[in-house]
Amino acid sequence: EQIVESLRQGNKIEAIKEYRELTGSGLKESKEAIEALIQKY
């Protein structure tokens, strides 16, 4: 929910960082996941 809120505030880079910390994913996977969240919501 915090990641989605960061996106709604226009903080895409912060959302990617938060996603990486949460999941342990790499940069590419995190960026793709954030892009998917942007489209989903």
PDB file of all heavy atoms in Angstrom:
ATOM      1  N   GLU A   1       0.837  -1.202   0.000  1.00  0.00           N
ATOM      2  CA  GLU A   1       0.000   0.000   0.000  1.00  0.00           C
ATOM      3  C   GLU A   1       0.872   1.251   0.000  1.00  0.00           C
ATOM      4  O   GLU A   1       0.555   2.233  -0.680  1.00  0.00           O
ATOM      5  CB  GLU A   1      -0.927  -0.002   1.210  1.00  0.00           C
ATOM      6  CG  GLU A   1      -2.036  -1.026   1.115  1.00  0.00           C
ATOM      7  CD  GLU A   1      -2.843  -1.155   2.404  1.00  0.00           C
ATOM      8  OE1 GLU A   1      -2.512  -0.483   3.405  1.00  0.00           O
ATOM      9  OE2 GLU A   1      -3.805  -1.942   2.408  1.00  0.00           O
ATOM     10  N   GLN A   2       1.983   1.219   0.724  1.00  0.00           N
ATOM     11  CA  GLN A   2       2.910   2.355   0.760  1.00  0.00           C
ATOM     12  C   GLN A   2       3.557   2.556  -0.611  1.00  0.00           C
ATOM     13  O   GLN A   2       3.744   3.685  -1.067  1.00  0.00           O
ATOM     14  CB  GLN A   2       3.986   2.134   1.833  1.00  0.00           C
ATOM     15  CG  GLN A   2       5.032   3.236   1.876  1.00  0.00           C
ATOM     16  CD  GLN A   2       4.452   4.603   2.150  1.00  0.00           C
ATOM     17  OE1 GLN A   2       3.595   4.749   3.012  1.00  0.00           O
ATOM     18  NE2 GLN A   2       4.902   5.610   1.429  1.00  0.00           N
ATOM     19  N   ILE A   3       3.877   1.460  -1.273  1.00  0.00           N
ATOM     20  CA  ILE A   3       4.473   1.545  -2.610  1.00  0.00           C
ATOM     21  C   ILE A   3       3.486   2.189  -3.589  1.00  0.00           C
ATOM     22  O   ILE A   3       3.852   3.089  -4.354  1.00  0.00           O
ATOM     23  CB  ILE A   3       4.909   0.149  -3.097  1.00  0.00           C
ATOM     24  CG1 ILE A   3       6.119  -0.321  -2.272  1.00  0.00           C
ATOM     25  CG2 ILE A   3       5.223   0.146  -4.586  1.00  0.00           C
ATOM     26  CD1 ILE A   3       6.490  -1.771  -2.470  1.00  0.00           C
ATOM     27  N   VAL A   4       2.238   1.757  -3.553  1.00  0.00           N
ATOM     28  CA  VAL A   4       1.211   2.340  -4.434  1.00  0.00           C
ATOM     29  C   VAL A   4       1.017   3.815  -4.104  1.00  0.00           C
ATOM     30  O   VAL A   4       0.880   4.649  -5.010  1.00  0.00           O
ATOM     31  CB  VAL A   4      -0.116   1.555  -4.330  1.00  0.00           C
ATOM     32  CG1 VAL A   4      -1.232   2.260  -5.072  1.00  0.00           C
ATOM     33  CG2 VAL A   4       0.068   0.134  -4.860  1.00  0.00           C
ATOM     34  N   GLU A   5       1.051   4.165  -2.822  1.00  0.00           N
ATOM     35  CA  GLU A   5       0.907   5.569  -2.429  1.00  0.00           C
ATOM     36  C   GLU A   5       2.081   6.397  -2.946  1.00  0.00           C
ATOM     37  O   GLU A   5       1.901   7.521  -3.411  1.00  0.00           O
ATOM     38  CB  GLU A   5       0.794   5.695  -0.907  1.00  0.00           C
ATOM     39  CG  GLU A   5       0.555   7.103  -0.423  1.00  0.00           C
ATOM     40  CD  GLU A   5      -0.717   7.737  -0.973  1.00  0.00           C
ATOM     41  OE1 GLU A   5      -1.710   7.021  -1.232  1.00  0.00           O
ATOM     42  OE2 GLU A   5      -0.726   8.975  -1.158  1.00  0.00           O
ATOM     43  N   SER A   6       3.291   5.846  -2.893  1.00  0.00           N
ATOM     44  CA  SER A   6       4.460   6.538  -3.447  1.00  0.00           C
ATOM     45  C   SER A   6       4.261   6.807  -4.933  1.00  0.00           C
ATOM     46  O   SER A   6       4.589   7.887  -5.424  1.00  0.00           O
ATOM     47  CB  SER A   6       5.731   5.709  -3.229  1.00  0.00           C
ATOM     48  OG  SER A   6       6.070   5.652  -1.872  1.00  0.00           O
ATOM     49  N   LEU A   7       3.712   5.819  -5.640  1.00  0.00           N
ATOM     50  CA  LEU A   7       3.451   6.000  -7.072  1.00  0.00           C
ATOM     51  C   LEU A   7       2.421   7.088  -7.306  1.00  0.00           C
ATOM     52  O   LEU A   7       2.578   7.911  -8.217  1.00  0.00           O
ATOM     53  CB  LEU A   7       2.977   4.686  -7.691  1.00  0.00           C
ATOM     54  CG  LEU A   7       4.038   3.605  -7.837  1.00  0.00           C
ATOM     55  CD1 LEU A   7       3.403   2.296  -8.263  1.00  0.00           C
ATOM     56  CD2 LEU A   7       5.101   4.039  -8.829  1.00  0.00           C
ATOM     57  N   ARG A   8       1.372   7.101  -6.509  1.00  0.00           N
ATOM     58  CA  ARG A   8       0.328   8.124  -6.673  1.00  0.00           C
ATOM     59  C   ARG A   8       0.863   9.523  -6.419  1.00  0.00           C
ATOM     60  O   ARG A   8       0.330  10.495  -6.937  1.00  0.00           O
ATOM     61  CB  ARG A   8      -0.842   7.815  -5.748  1.00  0.00           C
ATOM     62  CG  ARG A   8      -1.642   6.626  -6.229  1.00  0.00           C
ATOM     63  CD  ARG A   8      -2.925   6.430  -5.466  1.00  0.00           C
ATOM     64  NE  ARG A   8      -3.699   5.382  -6.100  1.00  0.00           N
ATOM     65  CZ  ARG A   8      -4.179   4.320  -5.465  1.00  0.00           C
ATOM     66  NH1 ARG A   8      -4.002   4.196  -4.169  1.00  0.00           N
ATOM     67  NH2 ARG A   8      -4.860   3.413  -6.117  1.00  0.00           N
ATOM     68  N   GLN A   9       1.919   9.625  -5.619  1.00  0.00           N
ATOM     69  CA  GLN A   9       2.542  10.919  -5.346  1.00  0.00           C
ATOM     70  C   GLN A   9       3.611  11.259  -6.385  1.00  0.00           C
ATOM     71  O   GLN A   9       4.246  12.296  -6.304  1.00  0.00           O
ATOM     72  CB  GLN A   9       3.157  10.921  -3.947  1.00  0.00           C
ATOM     73  CG  GLN A   9       2.127  10.830  -2.845  1.00  0.00           C
ATOM     74  CD  GLN A   9       2.751  10.711  -1.470  1.00  0.00           C
ATOM     75  OE1 GLN A   9       3.969  10.718  -1.311  1.00  0.00           O
ATOM     76  NE2 GLN A   9       1.920  10.615  -0.456  1.00  0.00           N
ATOM     77  N   GLY A  10       3.792  10.375  -7.366  1.00  0.00           N
ATOM     78  CA  GLY A  10       4.745  10.632  -8.433  1.00  0.00           C
ATOM     79  C   GLY A  10       6.166  10.200  -8.113  1.00  0.00           C
ATOM     80  O   GLY A  10       7.096  10.560  -8.825  1.00  0.00           O
ATOM     81  N   ASN A  11       6.354   9.400  -7.060  1.00  0.00           N
ATOM     82  CA  ASN A  11       7.693   8.972  -6.639  1.00  0.00           C
ATOM     83  C   ASN A  11       8.003   7.570  -7.146  1.00  0.00           C
ATOM     84  O   ASN A  11       8.089   6.613  -6.375  1.00  0.00           O
ATOM     85  CB  ASN A  11       7.810   9.023  -5.112  1.00  0.00           C
ATOM     86  CG  ASN A  11       7.625  10.408  -4.570  1.00  0.00           C
ATOM     87  OD1 ASN A  11       8.043  11.378  -5.178  1.00  0.00           O
ATOM     88  ND2 ASN A  11       6.983  10.508  -3.423  1.00  0.00           N
ATOM     89  N   LYS A  12       8.191   7.453  -8.436  1.00  0.00           N
ATOM     90  CA  LYS A  12       8.420   6.145  -9.053  1.00  0.00           C
ATOM     91  C   LYS A  12       9.730   5.518  -8.573  1.00  0.00           C
ATOM     92  O   LYS A  12       9.771   4.325  -8.262  1.00  0.00           O
ATOM     93  CB  LYS A  12       8.428   6.289 -10.574  1.00  0.00           C
ATOM     94  CG  LYS A  12       8.548   4.996 -11.319  1.00  0.00           C
ATOM     95  CD  LYS A  12       8.443   5.258 -12.816  1.00  0.00           C
ATOM     96  CE  LYS A  12       8.629   4.012 -13.619  1.00  0.00           C
ATOM     97  NZ  LYS A  12       8.538   4.281 -15.066  1.00  0.00           N
ATOM     98  N   ILE A  13      10.777   6.308  -8.483  1.00  0.00           N
ATOM     99  CA  ILE A  13      12.069   5.780  -8.044  1.00  0.00           C
ATOM    100  C   ILE A  13      11.989   5.281  -6.609  1.00  0.00           C
ATOM    101  O   ILE A  13      12.501   4.206  -6.278  1.00  0.00           O
ATOM    102  CB  ILE A  13      13.180   6.837  -8.220  1.00  0.00           C
ATOM    103  CG1 ILE A  13      13.394   7.104  -9.708  1.00  0.00           C
ATOM    104  CG2 ILE A  13      14.477   6.386  -7.564  1.00  0.00           C
ATOM    105  CD1 ILE A  13      14.321   8.239 -10.019  1.00  0.00           C
ATOM    106  N   GLU A  14      11.324   6.039  -5.754  1.00  0.00           N
ATOM    107  CA  GLU A  14      11.146   5.619  -4.360  1.00  0.00           C
ATOM    108  C   GLU A  14      10.345   4.320  -4.295  1.00  0.00           C
ATOM    109  O   GLU A  14      10.660   3.429  -3.507  1.00  0.00           O
ATOM    110  CB  GLU A  14      10.441   6.714  -3.556  1.00  0.00           C
ATOM    111  CG  GLU A  14      10.319   6.416  -2.089  1.00  0.00           C
ATOM    112  CD  GLU A  14      11.647   6.298  -1.376  1.00  0.00           C
ATOM    113  OE1 GLU A  14      12.638   6.931  -1.773  1.00  0.00           O
ATOM    114  OE2 GLU A  14      11.697   5.522  -0.399  1.00  0.00           O
ATOM    115  N   ALA A  15       9.332   4.188  -5.131  1.00  0.00           N
ATOM    116  CA  ALA A  15       8.522   2.971  -5.164  1.00  0.00           C
ATOM    117  C   ALA A  15       9.363   1.764  -5.578  1.00  0.00           C
ATOM    118  O   ALA A  15       9.222   0.682  -5.013  1.00  0.00           O
ATOM    119  CB  ALA A  15       7.337   3.155  -6.105  1.00  0.00           C
ATOM    120  N   ILE A  16      10.247   1.956  -6.545  1.00  0.00           N
ATOM    121  CA  ILE A  16      11.135   0.870  -6.982  1.00  0.00           C
ATOM    122  C   ILE A  16      12.057   0.464  -5.838  1.00  0.00           C
ATOM    123  O   ILE A  16      12.248  -0.733  -5.574  1.00  0.00           O
ATOM    124  CB  ILE A  16      11.938   1.280  -8.229  1.00  0.00           C
ATOM    125  CG1 ILE A  16      10.996   1.440  -9.435  1.00  0.00           C
ATOM    126  CG2 ILE A  16      13.034   0.257  -8.533  1.00  0.00           C
ATOM    127  CD1 ILE A  16      11.638   2.051 -10.658  1.00  0.00           C
ATOM    128  N   LYS A  17      12.620   1.440  -5.131  1.00  0.00           N
ATOM    129  CA  LYS A  17      13.488   1.138  -3.985  1.00  0.00           C
ATOM    130  C   LYS A  17      12.727   0.357  -2.917  1.00  0.00           C
ATOM    131  O   LYS A  17      13.228  -0.635  -2.387  1.00  0.00           O
ATOM    132  CB  LYS A  17      14.033   2.429  -3.367  1.00  0.00           C
ATOM    133  CG  LYS A  17      15.068   3.123  -4.203  1.00  0.00           C
ATOM    134  CD  LYS A  17      15.512   4.397  -3.499  1.00  0.00           C
ATOM    135  CE  LYS A  17      16.449   5.219  -4.329  1.00  0.00           C
ATOM    136  NZ  LYS A  17      16.824   6.477  -3.657  1.00  0.00           N
ATOM    137  N   GLU A  18      11.517   0.815  -2.603  1.00  0.00           N
ATOM    138  CA  GLU A  18      10.703   0.146  -1.589  1.00  0.00           C
ATOM    139  C   GLU A  18      10.374  -1.282  -2.018  1.00  0.00           C
ATOM    140  O   GLU A  18      10.419  -2.206  -1.203  1.00  0.00           O
ATOM    141  CB  GLU A  18       9.418   0.931  -1.333  1.00  0.00           C
ATOM    142  CG  GLU A  18       9.654   2.262  -0.652  1.00  0.00           C
ATOM    143  CD  GLU A  18       8.400   3.131  -0.601  1.00  0.00           C
ATOM    144  OE1 GLU A  18       7.349   2.727  -1.139  1.00  0.00           O
ATOM    145  OE2 GLU A  18       8.476   4.219  -0.009  1.00  0.00           O
ATOM    146  N   TYR A  19      10.057  -1.472  -3.285  1.00  0.00           N
ATOM    147  CA  TYR A  19       9.733  -2.801  -3.795  1.00  0.00           C
ATOM    148  C   TYR A  19      10.941  -3.728  -3.692  1.00  0.00           C
ATOM    149  O   TYR A  19      10.818  -4.888  -3.300  1.00  0.00           O
ATOM    150  CB  TYR A  19       9.239  -2.714  -5.242  1.00  0.00           C
ATOM    151  CG  TYR A  19       8.721  -4.028  -5.760  1.00  0.00           C
ATOM    152  CD1 TYR A  19       7.400  -4.394  -5.566  1.00  0.00           C
ATOM    153  CD2 TYR A  19       9.558  -4.919  -6.438  1.00  0.00           C
ATOM    154  CE1 TYR A  19       6.907  -5.615  -6.023  1.00  0.00           C
ATOM    155  CE2 TYR A  19       9.098  -6.135  -6.893  1.00  0.00           C
ATOM    156  CZ  TYR A  19       7.777  -6.481  -6.679  1.00  0.00           C
ATOM    157  OH  TYR A  19       7.313  -7.697  -7.126  1.00  0.00           O
ATOM    158  N   ARG A  20      12.117  -3.210  -4.031  1.00  0.00           N
ATOM    159  CA  ARG A  20      13.336  -4.015  -3.949  1.00  0.00           C
ATOM    160  C   ARG A  20      13.611  -4.452  -2.522  1.00  0.00           C
ATOM    161  O   ARG A  20      13.984  -5.600  -2.276  1.00  0.00           O
ATOM    162  CB  ARG A  20      14.537  -3.230  -4.483  1.00  0.00           C
ATOM    163  CG  ARG A  20      14.499  -3.050  -5.990  1.00  0.00           C
ATOM    164  CD  ARG A  20      15.750  -2.405  -6.500  1.00  0.00           C
ATOM    165  NE  ARG A  20      16.826  -3.400  -6.454  1.00  0.00           N
ATOM    166  CZ  ARG A  20      18.095  -3.139  -6.705  1.00  0.00           C
ATOM    167  NH1 ARG A  20      18.472  -1.917  -6.984  1.00  0.00           N
ATOM    168  NH2 ARG A  20      18.996  -4.090  -6.659  1.00  0.00           N
ATOM    169  N   GLU A  21      13.424  -3.520  -1.574  1.00  0.00           N
ATOM    170  CA  GLU A  21      13.641  -3.853  -0.169  1.00  0.00           C
ATOM    171  C   GLU A  21      12.634  -4.898   0.310  1.00  0.00           C
ATOM    172  O   GLU A  21      12.983  -5.804   1.058  1.00  0.00           O
ATOM    173  CB  GLU A  21      13.532  -2.600   0.703  1.00  0.00           C
ATOM    174  CG  GLU A  21      14.680  -1.641   0.519  1.00  0.00           C
ATOM    175  CD  GLU A  21      14.493  -0.337   1.270  1.00  0.00           C
ATOM    176  OE1 GLU A  21      13.536  -0.214   2.063  1.00  0.00           O
ATOM    177  OE2 GLU A  21      15.300   0.576   1.054  1.00  0.00           O
ATOM    178  N   LEU A  22      11.397  -4.768  -0.128  1.00  0.00           N
ATOM    179  CA  LEU A  22      10.340  -5.671   0.308  1.00  0.00           C
ATOM    180  C   LEU A  22      10.536  -7.081  -0.237  1.00  0.00           C
ATOM    181  O   LEU A  22      10.392  -8.060   0.488  1.00  0.00           O
ATOM    182  CB  LEU A  22       8.971  -5.128  -0.135  1.00  0.00           C
ATOM    183  CG  LEU A  22       7.762  -6.000   0.181  1.00  0.00           C
ATOM    184  CD1 LEU A  22       7.571  -6.106   1.695  1.00  0.00           C
ATOM    185  CD2 LEU A  22       6.521  -5.422  -0.468  1.00  0.00           C
ATOM    186  N   THR A  23      10.875  -7.179  -1.517  1.00  0.00           N
ATOM    187  CA  THR A  23      10.906  -8.480  -2.181  1.00  0.00           C
ATOM    188  C   THR A  23      12.301  -9.074  -2.347  1.00  0.00           C
ATOM    189  O   THR A  23      12.425 -10.275  -2.569  1.00  0.00           O
ATOM    190  CB  THR A  23      10.274  -8.378  -3.579  1.00  0.00           C
ATOM    191  OG1 THR A  23      11.069  -7.500  -4.388  1.00  0.00           O
ATOM    192  CG2 THR A  23       8.841  -7.877  -3.503  1.00  0.00           C
ATOM    193  N   GLY A  24      13.321  -8.226  -2.296  1.00  0.00           N
ATOM    194  CA  GLY A  24      14.672  -8.714  -2.559  1.00  0.00           C
ATOM    195  C   GLY A  24      14.933  -8.900  -4.045  1.00  0.00           C
ATOM    196  O   GLY A  24      15.929  -9.492  -4.441  1.00  0.00           O
ATOM    197  N   SER A  25      14.050  -8.396  -4.894  1.00  0.00           N
ATOM    198  CA  SER A  25      14.196  -8.509  -6.350  1.00  0.00           C
ATOM    199  C   SER A  25      15.291  -7.590  -6.854  1.00  0.00           C
ATOM    200  O   SER A  25      15.653  -6.612  -6.206  1.00  0.00           O
ATOM    201  CB  SER A  25      12.880  -8.136  -7.041  1.00  0.00           C
ATOM    202  OG  SER A  25      11.853  -9.011  -6.670  1.00  0.00           O
ATOM    203  N   GLY A  26      15.764  -7.881  -8.051  1.00  0.00           N
ATOM    204  CA  GLY A  26      16.750  -7.041  -8.695  1.00  0.00           C
ATOM    205  C   GLY A  26      16.104  -5.781  -9.258  1.00  0.00           C
ATOM    206  O   GLY A  26      14.877  -5.621  -9.234  1.00  0.00           O
ATOM    207  N   LEU A  27      16.931  -4.890  -9.771  1.00  0.00           N
ATOM    208  CA  LEU A  27      16.453  -3.618 -10.295  1.00  0.00           C
ATOM    209  C   LEU A  27      15.495  -3.809 -11.468  1.00  0.00           C
ATOM    210  O   LEU A  27      14.419  -3.208 -11.514  1.00  0.00           O
ATOM    211  CB  LEU A  27      17.635  -2.738 -10.707  1.00  0.00           C
ATOM    212  CG  LEU A  27      17.305  -1.370 -11.266  1.00  0.00           C
ATOM    213  CD1 LEU A  27      16.518  -0.552 -10.246  1.00  0.00           C
ATOM    214  CD2 LEU A  27      18.567  -0.632 -11.665  1.00  0.00           C
ATOM    215  N   LYS A  28      15.868  -4.660 -12.423  1.00  0.00           N
ATOM    216  CA  LYS A  28      15.028  -4.861 -13.609  1.00  0.00           C
ATOM    217  C   LYS A  28      13.663  -5.432 -13.230  1.00  0.00           C
ATOM    218  O   LYS A  28      12.626  -4.942 -13.691  1.00  0.00           O
ATOM    219  CB  LYS A  28      15.723  -5.798 -14.590  1.00  0.00           C
ATOM    220  CG  LYS A  28      14.932  -6.043 -15.853  1.00  0.00           C
ATOM    221  CD  LYS A  28      15.634  -6.985 -16.792  1.00  0.00           C
ATOM    222  CE  LYS A  28      14.764  -7.213 -18.019  1.00  0.00           C
ATOM    223  NZ  LYS A  28      15.286  -8.252 -18.879  1.00  0.00           N
ATOM    224  N   GLU A  29      13.661  -6.461 -12.381  1.00  0.00           N
ATOM    225  CA  GLU A  29      12.407  -7.086 -11.968  1.00  0.00           C
ATOM    226  C   GLU A  29      11.542  -6.098 -11.191  1.00  0.00           C
ATOM    227  O   GLU A  29      10.322  -6.050 -11.359  1.00  0.00           O
ATOM    228  CB  GLU A  29      12.673  -8.325 -11.114  1.00  0.00           C
ATOM    229  CG  GLU A  29      13.346  -9.462 -11.872  1.00  0.00           C
ATOM    230  CD  GLU A  29      14.848  -9.307 -11.992  1.00  0.00           C
ATOM    231  OE1 GLU A  29      15.435  -8.417 -11.332  1.00  0.00           O
ATOM    232  OE2 GLU A  29      15.444 -10.066 -12.777  1.00  0.00           O
ATOM    233  N   SER A  30      12.172  -5.301 -10.343  1.00  0.00           N
ATOM    234  CA  SER A  30      11.433  -4.321  -9.544  1.00  0.00           C
ATOM    235  C   SER A  30      10.814  -3.250 -10.432  1.00  0.00           C
ATOM    236  O   SER A  30       9.661  -2.867 -10.246  1.00  0.00           O
ATOM    237  CB  SER A  30      12.356  -3.682  -8.501  1.00  0.00           C
ATOM    238  OG  SER A  30      12.816  -4.664  -7.605  1.00  0.00           O
ATOM    239  N   LYS A  31      11.590  -2.764 -11.408  1.00  0.00           N
ATOM    240  CA  LYS A  31      11.080  -1.748 -12.327  1.00  0.00           C
ATOM    241  C   LYS A  31       9.882  -2.290 -13.110  1.00  0.00           C
ATOM    242  O   LYS A  31       8.867  -1.606 -13.262  1.00  0.00           O
ATOM    243  CB  LYS A  31      12.168  -1.294 -13.286  1.00  0.00           C
ATOM    244  CG  LYS A  31      11.738  -0.179 -14.222  1.00  0.00           C
ATOM    245  CD  LYS A  31      12.883   0.224 -15.141  1.00  0.00           C
ATOM    246  CE  LYS A  31      12.474   1.317 -16.086  1.00  0.00           C
ATOM    247  NZ  LYS A  31      11.471   0.919 -17.075  1.00  0.00           N
ATOM    248  N   GLU A  32       9.985  -3.535 -13.570  1.00  0.00           N
ATOM    249  CA  GLU A  32       8.879  -4.141 -14.311  1.00  0.00           C
ATOM    250  C   GLU A  32       7.645  -4.314 -13.427  1.00  0.00           C
ATOM    251  O   GLU A  32       6.514  -4.087 -13.875  1.00  0.00           O
ATOM    252  CB  GLU A  32       9.319  -5.484 -14.896  1.00  0.00           C
ATOM    253  CG  GLU A  32      10.334  -5.335 -16.013  1.00  0.00           C
ATOM    254  CD  GLU A  32      10.954  -6.654 -16.454  1.00  0.00           C
ATOM    255  OE1 GLU A  32      10.711  -7.703 -15.789  1.00  0.00           O
ATOM    256  OE2 GLU A  32      11.692  -6.657 -17.447  1.00  0.00           O
ATOM    257  N   ALA A  33       7.853  -4.695 -12.175  1.00  0.00           N
ATOM    258  CA  ALA A  33       6.736  -4.872 -11.249  1.00  0.00           C
ATOM    259  C   ALA A  33       6.053  -3.530 -10.975  1.00  0.00           C
ATOM    260  O   ALA A  33       4.818  -3.454 -10.915  1.00  0.00           O
ATOM    261  CB  ALA A  33       7.223  -5.499  -9.949  1.00  0.00           C
ATOM    262  N   ILE A  34       6.850  -2.473 -10.825  1.00  0.00           N
ATOM    263  CA  ILE A  34       6.296  -1.141 -10.580  1.00  0.00           C
ATOM    264  C   ILE A  34       5.527  -0.664 -11.807  1.00  0.00           C
ATOM    265  O   ILE A  34       4.441  -0.094 -11.690  1.00  0.00           O
ATOM    266  CB  ILE A  34       7.401  -0.145 -10.172  1.00  0.00           C
ATOM    267  CG1 ILE A  34       7.982  -0.539  -8.806  1.00  0.00           C
ATOM    268  CG2 ILE A  34       6.892   1.282 -10.185  1.00  0.00           C
ATOM    269  CD1 ILE A  34       6.985  -0.566  -7.662  1.00  0.00           C
ATOM    270  N   GLU A  35       6.061  -0.927 -12.992  1.00  0.00           N
ATOM    271  CA  GLU A  35       5.346  -0.572 -14.224  1.00  0.00           C
ATOM    272  C   GLU A  35       4.001  -1.293 -14.280  1.00  0.00           C
ATOM    273  O   GLU A  35       2.984  -0.712 -14.688  1.00  0.00           O
ATOM    274  CB  GLU A  35       6.181  -0.917 -15.458  1.00  0.00           C
ATOM    275  CG  GLU A  35       7.427  -0.085 -15.640  1.00  0.00           C
ATOM    276  CD  GLU A  35       7.142   1.367 -15.992  1.00  0.00           C
ATOM    277  OE1 GLU A  35       6.051   1.665 -16.515  1.00  0.00           O
ATOM    278  OE2 GLU A  35       8.013   2.206 -15.738  1.00  0.00           O
ATOM    279  N   ALA A  36       3.979  -2.556 -13.861  1.00  0.00           N
ATOM    280  CA  ALA A  36       2.729  -3.318 -13.843  1.00  0.00           C
ATOM    281  C   ALA A  36       1.734  -2.726 -12.844  1.00  0.00           C
ATOM    282  O   ALA A  36       0.538  -2.649 -13.120  1.00  0.00           O
ATOM    283  CB  ALA A  36       3.018  -4.782 -13.508  1.00  0.00           C
ATOM    284  N   LEU A  37       2.234  -2.280 -11.679  1.00  0.00           N
ATOM    285  CA  LEU A  37       1.356  -1.644 -10.693  1.00  0.00           C
ATOM    286  C   LEU A  37       0.781  -0.339 -11.228  1.00  0.00           C
ATOM    287  O   LEU A  37      -0.386  -0.030 -11.002  1.00  0.00           O
ATOM    288  CB  LEU A  37       2.117  -1.371  -9.389  1.00  0.00           C
ATOM    289  CG  LEU A  37       2.392  -2.567  -8.495  1.00  0.00           C
ATOM    290  CD1 LEU A  37       3.265  -2.162  -7.311  1.00  0.00           C
ATOM    291  CD2 LEU A  37       1.092  -3.188  -8.000  1.00  0.00           C
ATOM    292  N   ILE A  38       1.599   0.419 -11.947  1.00  0.00           N
ATOM    293  CA  ILE A  38       1.147   1.678 -12.536  1.00  0.00           C
ATOM    294  C   ILE A  38      -0.011   1.410 -13.503  1.00  0.00           C
ATOM    295  O   ILE A  38      -1.021   2.107 -13.488  1.00  0.00           O
ATOM    296  CB  ILE A  38       2.306   2.410 -13.244  1.00  0.00           C
ATOM    297  CG1 ILE A  38       3.300   2.936 -12.209  1.00  0.00           C
ATOM    298  CG2 ILE A  38       1.796   3.537 -14.142  1.00  0.00           C
ATOM    299  CD1 ILE A  38       4.608   3.441 -12.789  1.00  0.00           C
ATOM    300  N   GLN A  39       0.131   0.374 -14.314  1.00  0.00           N
ATOM    301  CA  GLN A  39      -0.936   0.030 -15.257  1.00  0.00           C
ATOM    302  C   GLN A  39      -2.150  -0.538 -14.534  1.00  0.00           C
ATOM    303  O   GLN A  39      -3.289  -0.190 -14.864  1.00  0.00           O
ATOM    304  CB  GLN A  39      -0.419  -0.966 -16.285  1.00  0.00           C
ATOM    305  CG  GLN A  39       0.560  -0.348 -17.250  1.00  0.00           C
ATOM    306  CD  GLN A  39       1.057  -1.331 -18.287  1.00  0.00           C
ATOM    307  OE1 GLN A  39       0.713  -2.511 -18.269  1.00  0.00           O
ATOM    308  NE2 GLN A  39       1.876  -0.850 -19.205  1.00  0.00           N
ATOM    309  N   LYS A  40      -1.927  -1.411 -13.552  1.00  0.00           N
ATOM    310  CA  LYS A  40      -3.030  -2.047 -12.835  1.00  0.00           C
ATOM    311  C   LYS A  40      -3.918  -1.018 -12.146  1.00  0.00           C
ATOM    312  O   LYS A  40      -5.140  -1.090 -12.203  1.00  0.00           O
ATOM    313  CB  LYS A  40      -2.476  -3.019 -11.796  1.00  0.00           C
ATOM    314  CG  LYS A  40      -3.542  -3.704 -10.965  1.00  0.00           C
ATOM    315  CD  LYS A  40      -2.930  -4.649  -9.956  1.00  0.00           C
ATOM    316  CE  LYS A  40      -4.010  -5.289  -9.102  1.00  0.00           C
ATOM    317  NZ  LYS A  40      -3.451  -6.219  -8.122  1.00  0.00           N
ATOM    318  N   TYR A  41      -3.292  -0.056 -11.473  1.00  0.00           N
ATOM    319  CA  TYR A  41      -4.053   0.959 -10.739  1.00  0.00           C
ATOM    320  C   TYR A  41      -4.290   2.221 -11.555  1.00  0.00           C
ATOM    321  O   TYR A  41      -4.819   3.197 -11.039  1.00  0.00           O
ATOM    322  CB  TYR A  41      -3.331   1.291  -9.426  1.00  0.00           C
ATOM    323  CG  TYR A  41      -3.350   0.139  -8.459  1.00  0.00           C
ATOM    324  CD1 TYR A  41      -2.214  -0.629  -8.247  1.00  0.00           C
ATOM    325  CD2 TYR A  41      -4.501  -0.188  -7.758  1.00  0.00           C
ATOM    326  CE1 TYR A  41      -2.226  -1.697  -7.358  1.00  0.00           C
ATOM    327  CE2 TYR A  41      -4.522  -1.251  -6.872  1.00  0.00           C
ATOM    328  CZ  TYR A  41      -3.378  -2.006  -6.675  1.00  0.00           C
ATOM    329  OH  TYR A  41      -3.398  -3.059  -5.806  1.00  0.00           O
TER     330      TYR A  41
END
